[in-house]
Amino acid sequence: MISGNSGASDLLRRAITSLTLFSLLAGCASHDIDPRGYDQTGTASYYGSRHHGKRTASGEPFNQHGLTAAHRSLPFGSRVLVTNLSNQRSVVVRINDRGPHTRGRLIDLSRAAAEKIGMLRSGTARVRVQGLSD
């Protein structure tokens, strides 16, 4: 005889297994790169007023006047030194969002960070991004 609770317990067991697996994968995804050894060169872009006040992937509101950035995989809270390779101007930013969502881009800077390294006019710049220890 089949119990009426058998299907419910199987469903519950599958749900718990799925949630456990998802939690493990999500935890691993946020720590893919050790920010202290990170050193990459690529193209930076910036985002500003259109996104100002909207929620970032970390949950905090985006502030175009703050020194923050979006990166695809560096952990939230990581600090990186971003250097514009055309003028050697640098800025330290904190990663608080995911992106860039445009192919071929390495990092998206806040408007204030882009201004500090002199890339507002061009909109993009070739940069070096170096992880900093806490």
C-alpha atoms as a PDB file:
ATOM      1  CA  MET A   1       0.000   0.000   0.000  1.00  0.00           C
ATOM      2  CA  ILE A   2       1.291   3.471  -0.880  1.00  0.00           C
ATOM      3  CA  SER A   3       1.137   6.095   1.804  1.00  0.00           C
ATOM      4  CA  GLY A   4      -0.376   9.500   0.975  1.00  0.00           C
ATOM      5  CA  ASN A   5       2.656  11.249   2.468  1.00  0.00           C
ATOM      6  CA  SER A   6       5.189   9.461   0.246  1.00  0.00           C
ATOM      7  CA  GLY A   7       4.842  11.945  -2.632  1.00  0.00           C
ATOM      8  CA  ALA A   8       5.003  14.928  -0.296  1.00  0.00           C
ATOM      9  CA  SER A   9       8.151  13.661   1.431  1.00  0.00           C
ATOM     10  CA  ASP A  10       9.839  12.984  -1.948  1.00  0.00           C
ATOM     11  CA  LEU A  11       8.959  16.497  -3.068  1.00  0.00           C
ATOM     12  CA  LEU A  12      10.290  17.968   0.170  1.00  0.00           C
ATOM     13  CA  ARG A  13      13.501  15.919  -0.102  1.00  0.00           C
ATOM     14  CA  ARG A  14      14.040  17.132  -3.700  1.00  0.00           C
ATOM     15  CA  ALA A  15      13.387  20.728  -2.710  1.00  0.00           C
ATOM     16  CA  ILE A  16      15.891  20.554   0.158  1.00  0.00           C
ATOM     17  CA  THR A  17      18.492  18.903  -2.093  1.00  0.00           C
ATOM     18  CA  SER A  18      17.985  21.570  -4.768  1.00  0.00           C
ATOM     19  CA  LEU A  19      18.241  24.419  -2.260  1.00  0.00           C
ATOM     20  CA  THR A  20      21.387  22.938  -0.727  1.00  0.00           C
ATOM     21  CA  LEU A  21      23.024  22.569  -4.139  1.00  0.00           C
ATOM     22  CA  PHE A  22      22.006  26.099  -5.132  1.00  0.00           C
ATOM     23  CA  SER A  23      23.430  27.511  -1.875  1.00  0.00           C
ATOM     24  CA  LEU A  24      26.740  25.745  -2.412  1.00  0.00           C
ATOM     25  CA  LEU A  25      27.016  26.961  -6.003  1.00  0.00           C
ATOM     26  CA  ALA A  26      26.048  30.529  -5.102  1.00  0.00           C
ATOM     27  CA  GLY A  27      28.632  30.583  -2.321  1.00  0.00           C
ATOM     28  CA  CYS A  28      31.368  29.408  -4.675  1.00  0.00           C
ATOM     29  CA  ALA A  29      30.446  31.874  -7.409  1.00  0.00           C
ATOM     30  CA  SER A  30      31.032  34.916  -5.233  1.00  0.00           C
ATOM     31  CA  HIS A  31      34.591  33.869  -4.359  1.00  0.00           C
ATOM     32  CA  ASP A  32      35.994  32.812  -7.732  1.00  0.00           C
ATOM     33  CA  ILE A  33      38.876  35.277  -7.679  1.00  0.00           C
ATOM     34  CA  ASP A  34      41.207  36.208  -4.862  1.00  0.00           C
ATOM     35  CA  PRO A  35      41.225  40.004  -5.122  1.00  0.00           C
ATOM     36  CA  ARG A  36      44.747  40.247  -3.665  1.00  0.00           C
ATOM     37  CA  GLY A  37      46.245  38.538  -6.718  1.00  0.00           C
ATOM     38  CA  TYR A  38      43.960  40.027  -9.363  1.00  0.00           C
ATOM     39  CA  ASP A  39      45.751  41.940 -12.130  1.00  0.00           C
ATOM     40  CA  GLN A  40      44.056  42.343 -15.512  1.00  0.00           C
ATOM     41  CA  THR A  41      44.150  44.780 -18.397  1.00  0.00           C
ATOM     42  CA  GLY A  42      41.076  45.564 -20.465  1.00  0.00           C
ATOM     43  CA  THR A  43      38.436  48.117 -21.363  1.00  0.00           C
ATOM     44  CA  ALA A  44      36.544  50.114 -18.744  1.00  0.00           C
ATOM     45  CA  SER A  45      33.274  51.950 -19.247  1.00  0.00           C
ATOM     46  CA  TYR A  46      31.164  53.916 -16.794  1.00  0.00           C
ATOM     47  CA  TYR A  47      27.563  54.311 -15.757  1.00  0.00           C
ATOM     48  CA  GLY A  48      25.946  57.310 -14.135  1.00  0.00           C
ATOM     49  CA  SER A  49      22.711  59.265 -13.820  1.00  0.00           C
ATOM     50  CA  ARG A  50      20.458  56.755 -15.579  1.00  0.00           C
ATOM     51  CA  HIS A  51      21.251  54.167 -12.886  1.00  0.00           C
ATOM     52  CA  HIS A  52      21.620  56.542  -9.921  1.00  0.00           C
ATOM     53  CA  GLY A  53      19.572  55.319  -6.948  1.00  0.00           C
ATOM     54  CA  LYS A  54      18.776  51.908  -8.469  1.00  0.00           C
ATOM     55  CA  ARG A  55      19.686  48.753  -6.551  1.00  0.00           C
ATOM     56  CA  THR A  56      23.053  47.205  -7.346  1.00  0.00           C
ATOM     57  CA  ALA A  57      23.610  43.446  -7.316  1.00  0.00           C
ATOM     58  CA  SER A  58      25.027  43.775  -3.785  1.00  0.00           C
ATOM     59  CA  GLY A  59      21.738  45.298  -2.621  1.00  0.00           C
ATOM     60  CA  GLU A  60      22.933  48.829  -2.016  1.00  0.00           C
ATOM     61  CA  PRO A  61      21.661  51.773  -4.060  1.00  0.00           C
ATOM     62  CA  PHE A  62      23.963  52.878  -6.875  1.00  0.00           C
ATOM     63  CA  ASN A  63      25.562  56.263  -6.234  1.00  0.00           C
ATOM     64  CA  GLN A  64      27.133  57.824  -9.314  1.00  0.00           C
ATOM     65  CA  HIS A  65      29.120  60.121  -6.991  1.00  0.00           C
ATOM     66  CA  GLY A  66      30.702  57.225  -5.061  1.00  0.00           C
ATOM     67  CA  LEU A  67      33.918  55.457  -5.963  1.00  0.00           C
ATOM     68  CA  THR A  68      32.433  52.090  -6.874  1.00  0.00           C
ATOM     69  CA  ALA A  69      32.443  49.660  -9.781  1.00  0.00           C
ATOM     70  CA  ALA A  70      30.781  46.634 -11.329  1.00  0.00           C
ATOM     71  CA  HIS A  71      32.801  43.500 -12.061  1.00  0.00           C
ATOM     72  CA  ARG A  72      31.626  40.100 -13.256  1.00  0.00           C
ATOM     73  CA  SER A  73      33.285  37.958 -10.602  1.00  0.00           C
ATOM     74  CA  LEU A  74      35.318  39.832  -7.977  1.00  0.00           C
ATOM     75  CA  PRO A  75      33.701  39.537  -4.531  1.00  0.00           C
ATOM     76  CA  PHE A  76      31.509  42.419  -3.346  1.00  0.00           C
ATOM     77  CA  GLY A  77      33.502  44.738  -1.104  1.00  0.00           C
ATOM     78  CA  SER A  78      36.789  44.053  -2.920  1.00  0.00           C
ATOM     79  CA  ARG A  79      38.868  47.141  -3.490  1.00  0.00           C
ATOM     80  CA  VAL A  80      40.771  47.515  -6.749  1.00  0.00           C
ATOM     81  CA  LEU A  81      43.143  50.083  -8.190  1.00  0.00           C
ATOM     82  CA  VAL A  82      42.053  51.117 -11.685  1.00  0.00           C
ATOM     83  CA  THR A  83      44.671  52.884 -13.828  1.00  0.00           C
ATOM     84  CA  ASN A  84      43.869  54.600 -17.126  1.00  0.00           C
ATOM     85  CA  LEU A  85      46.724  53.436 -19.362  1.00  0.00           C
ATOM     86  CA  SER A  86      46.543  56.494 -21.647  1.00  0.00           C
ATOM     87  CA  ASN A  87      47.211  59.055 -18.889  1.00  0.00           C
ATOM     88  CA  GLN A  88      48.374  56.945 -15.885  1.00  0.00           C
ATOM     89  CA  ARG A  89      45.674  58.419 -13.635  1.00  0.00           C
ATOM     90  CA  SER A  90      44.401  55.980 -10.997  1.00  0.00           C
ATOM     91  CA  VAL A  91      41.489  55.563  -8.624  1.00  0.00           C
ATOM     92  CA  VAL A  92      40.637  53.014  -5.919  1.00  0.00           C
ATOM     93  CA  VAL A  93      37.081  51.680  -6.197  1.00  0.00           C
ATOM     94  CA  ARG A  94      34.991  49.187  -4.247  1.00  0.00           C
ATOM     95  CA  ILE A  95      33.165  46.427  -6.137  1.00  0.00           C
ATOM     96  CA  ASN A  96      29.436  46.624  -5.345  1.00  0.00           C
ATOM     97  CA  ASP A  97      27.734  45.513  -8.558  1.00  0.00           C
ATOM     98  CA  ARG A  98      27.862  42.904 -11.331  1.00  0.00           C
ATOM     99  CA  GLY A  99      28.746  43.773 -14.887  1.00  0.00           C
ATOM    100  CA  PRO A 100      29.741  45.055 -17.312  1.00  0.00           C
ATOM    101  CA  HIS A 101      27.027  43.601 -19.480  1.00  0.00           C
ATOM    102  CA  THR A 102      28.722  44.645 -22.732  1.00  0.00           C
ATOM    103  CA  ARG A 103      30.985  42.093 -24.369  1.00  0.00           C
ATOM    104  CA  GLY A 104      34.676  42.926 -24.277  1.00  0.00           C
ATOM    105  CA  ARG A 105      34.501  45.158 -21.202  1.00  0.00           C
ATOM    106  CA  LEU A 106      36.407  44.385 -18.011  1.00  0.00           C
ATOM    107  CA  ILE A 107      34.891  46.801 -15.496  1.00  0.00           C
ATOM    108  CA  ASP A 108      32.135  49.426 -15.228  1.00  0.00           C
ATOM    109  CA  LEU A 109      33.060  52.433 -13.090  1.00  0.00           C
ATOM    110  CA  SER A 110      30.797  54.911 -11.363  1.00  0.00           C
ATOM    111  CA  ARG A 111      30.727  58.355 -12.964  1.00  0.00           C
ATOM    112  CA  ALA A 112      32.888  59.810 -10.164  1.00  0.00           C
ATOM    113  CA  ALA A 113      35.541  57.104 -10.622  1.00  0.00           C
ATOM    114  CA  ALA A 114      35.549  57.625 -14.394  1.00  0.00           C
ATOM    115  CA  GLU A 115      36.011  61.347 -13.857  1.00  0.00           C
ATOM    116  CA  LYS A 116      39.001  60.752 -11.540  1.00  0.00           C
ATOM    117  CA  ILE A 117      40.843  58.819 -14.248  1.00  0.00           C
ATOM    118  CA  GLY A 118      39.873  61.161 -17.063  1.00  0.00           C
ATOM    119  CA  MET A 119      37.590  58.989 -19.176  1.00  0.00           C
ATOM    120  CA  LEU A 120      34.284  60.894 -19.124  1.00  0.00           C
ATOM    121  CA  ARG A 121      34.697  62.318 -22.628  1.00  0.00           C
ATOM    122  CA  SER A 122      35.675  59.096 -24.316  1.00  0.00           C
ATOM    123  CA  GLY A 123      33.249  56.910 -22.349  1.00  0.00           C
ATOM    124  CA  THR A 124      35.697  54.016 -22.326  1.00  0.00           C
ATOM    125  CA  ALA A 125      39.379  53.601 -21.585  1.00  0.00           C
ATOM    126  CA  ARG A 126      42.032  50.921 -21.646  1.00  0.00           C
ATOM    127  CA  VAL A 127      42.760  50.216 -17.975  1.00  0.00           C
ATOM    128  CA  ARG A 128      44.730  48.024 -15.635  1.00  0.00           C
ATOM    129  CA  VAL A 129      42.739  46.649 -12.687  1.00  0.00           C
ATOM    130  CA  GLN A 130      44.725  45.447  -9.674  1.00  0.00           C
ATOM    131  CA  GLY A 131      43.249  43.850  -6.561  1.00  0.00           C
ATOM    132  CA  LEU A 132      44.166  45.374  -3.218  1.00  0.00           C
ATOM    133  CA  SER A 133      44.443  43.559   0.084  1.00  0.00           C
ATOM    134  CA  ASP A 134      42.011  44.578   2.793  1.00  0.00           C
END
